[in-house]
C-alpha atoms as a PDB file:
ATOM      1  CA  MET A   1     -71.681  -3.389 -54.929  1.00  0.00           C
ATOM      2  CA  SER A   2     -71.702  -0.591 -57.748  1.00  0.00           C
ATOM      3  CA  LEU A   3     -74.531   1.423 -56.346  1.00  0.00           C
ATOM      4  CA  ILE A   4     -72.380   1.896 -53.149  1.00  0.00           C
ATOM      5  CA  ARG A   5     -69.463   2.462 -55.013  1.00  0.00           C
ATOM      6  CA  ARG A   6     -71.620   4.978 -57.129  1.00  0.00           C
ATOM      7  CA  PHE A   7     -73.141   6.347 -53.534  1.00  0.00           C
ATOM      8  CA  ALA A   8     -69.727   6.943 -52.185  1.00  0.00           C
ATOM      9  CA  LEU A   9     -68.086   9.052 -55.250  1.00  0.00           C
ATOM     10  CA  ASP A  10     -71.304  10.916 -56.073  1.00  0.00           C
ATOM     11  CA  ASN A  11     -70.225  14.904 -54.319  1.00  0.00           C
ATOM     12  CA  ARG A  12     -73.287  16.668 -55.819  1.00  0.00           C
ATOM     13  CA  GLY A  13     -74.787  17.515 -52.758  1.00  0.00           C
ATOM     14  CA  ALA A  14     -71.947  18.652 -50.918  1.00  0.00           C
ATOM     15  CA  THR A  15     -71.773  21.921 -51.700  1.00  0.00           C
ATOM     16  CA  SER A  16     -75.115  22.720 -50.581  1.00  0.00           C
ATOM     17  CA  ILE A  17     -74.547  20.693 -47.204  1.00  0.00           C
ATOM     18  CA  GLU A  18     -71.174  23.111 -47.044  1.00  0.00           C
ATOM     19  CA  TYR A  19     -73.606  26.160 -47.470  1.00  0.00           C
ATOM     20  CA  ALA A  20     -76.191  25.062 -44.679  1.00  0.00           C
ATOM     21  CA  MET A  21     -73.636  24.412 -42.560  1.00  0.00           C
ATOM     22  CA  ILE A  22     -71.972  27.977 -43.425  1.00  0.00           C
ATOM     23  CA  ALA A  23     -75.645  29.453 -42.783  1.00  0.00           C
ATOM     24  CA  CYS A  24     -76.105  27.657 -39.230  1.00  0.00           C
ATOM     25  CA  VAL A  25     -72.513  29.214 -38.180  1.00  0.00           C
ATOM     26  CA  ILE A  26     -73.844  32.575 -39.436  1.00  0.00           C
ATOM     27  CA  SER A  27     -76.823  32.113 -37.649  1.00  0.00           C
ATOM     28  CA  VAL A  28     -75.393  31.106 -34.413  1.00  0.00           C
ATOM     29  CA  ALA A  29     -72.912  34.237 -34.751  1.00  0.00           C
ATOM     30  CA  LEU A  30     -76.066  36.473 -34.856  1.00  0.00           C
ATOM     31  CA  VAL A  31     -77.958  35.245 -32.308  1.00  0.00           C
ATOM     32  CA  ALA A  32     -74.678  35.427 -30.131  1.00  0.00           C
ATOM     33  CA  GLY A  33     -74.265  38.863 -30.991  1.00  0.00           C
ATOM     34  CA  ALA A  34     -77.703  39.954 -30.370  1.00  0.00           C
ATOM     35  CA  ARG A  35     -77.665  38.529 -27.202  1.00  0.00           C
ATOM     36  CA  ALA A  36     -74.545  40.468 -26.146  1.00  0.00           C
ATOM     37  CA  VAL A  37     -75.766  43.601 -27.166  1.00  0.00           C
ATOM     38  CA  GLY A  38     -79.289  43.164 -25.791  1.00  0.00           C
ATOM     39  CA  LEU A  39     -77.375  42.541 -22.775  1.00  0.00           C
ATOM     40  CA  ALA A  40     -75.416  45.351 -22.760  1.00  0.00           C
ATOM     41  CA  LEU A  41     -77.901  47.381 -23.539  1.00  0.00           C
ATOM     42  CA  GLN A  42     -80.032  46.072 -20.528  1.00  0.00           C
ATOM     43  CA  THR A  43     -77.513  46.851 -18.327  1.00  0.00           C
ATOM     44  CA  LYS A  44     -76.683  50.472 -19.992  1.00  0.00           C
ATOM     45  CA  PHE A  45     -80.563  51.837 -19.568  1.00  0.00           C
ATOM     46  CA  TYR A  46     -81.847  49.995 -16.770  1.00  0.00           C
ATOM     47  CA  GLY A  47     -78.948  50.119 -14.658  1.00  0.00           C
ATOM     48  CA  PRO A  48     -79.111  53.203 -13.836  1.00  0.00           C
ATOM     49  CA  LEU A  49     -82.648  52.765 -12.956  1.00  0.00           C
ATOM     50  CA  SER A  50     -82.361  49.850 -10.734  1.00  0.00           C
ATOM     51  CA  SER A  51     -79.651  52.195  -8.490  1.00  0.00           C
ATOM     52  CA  ASN A  52     -82.173  54.741  -8.062  1.00  0.00           C
ATOM     53  CA  LEU A  53     -84.603  52.362  -6.875  1.00  0.00           C
ATOM     54  CA  SER A  54     -83.101  51.241  -4.351  1.00  0.00           C
END
């Protein structure tokens, strides 16, 4: 029983897990932002080209 209690009260790995979660959120935000910028640039530069071809 003391092993379970000791495990439940141990919080040494909590900081690393919090940092990993923050890094995941930042990486998802970066990917979403890069995708949005990419789509905006694609529309800006390829939009006029496609309208001239038709």
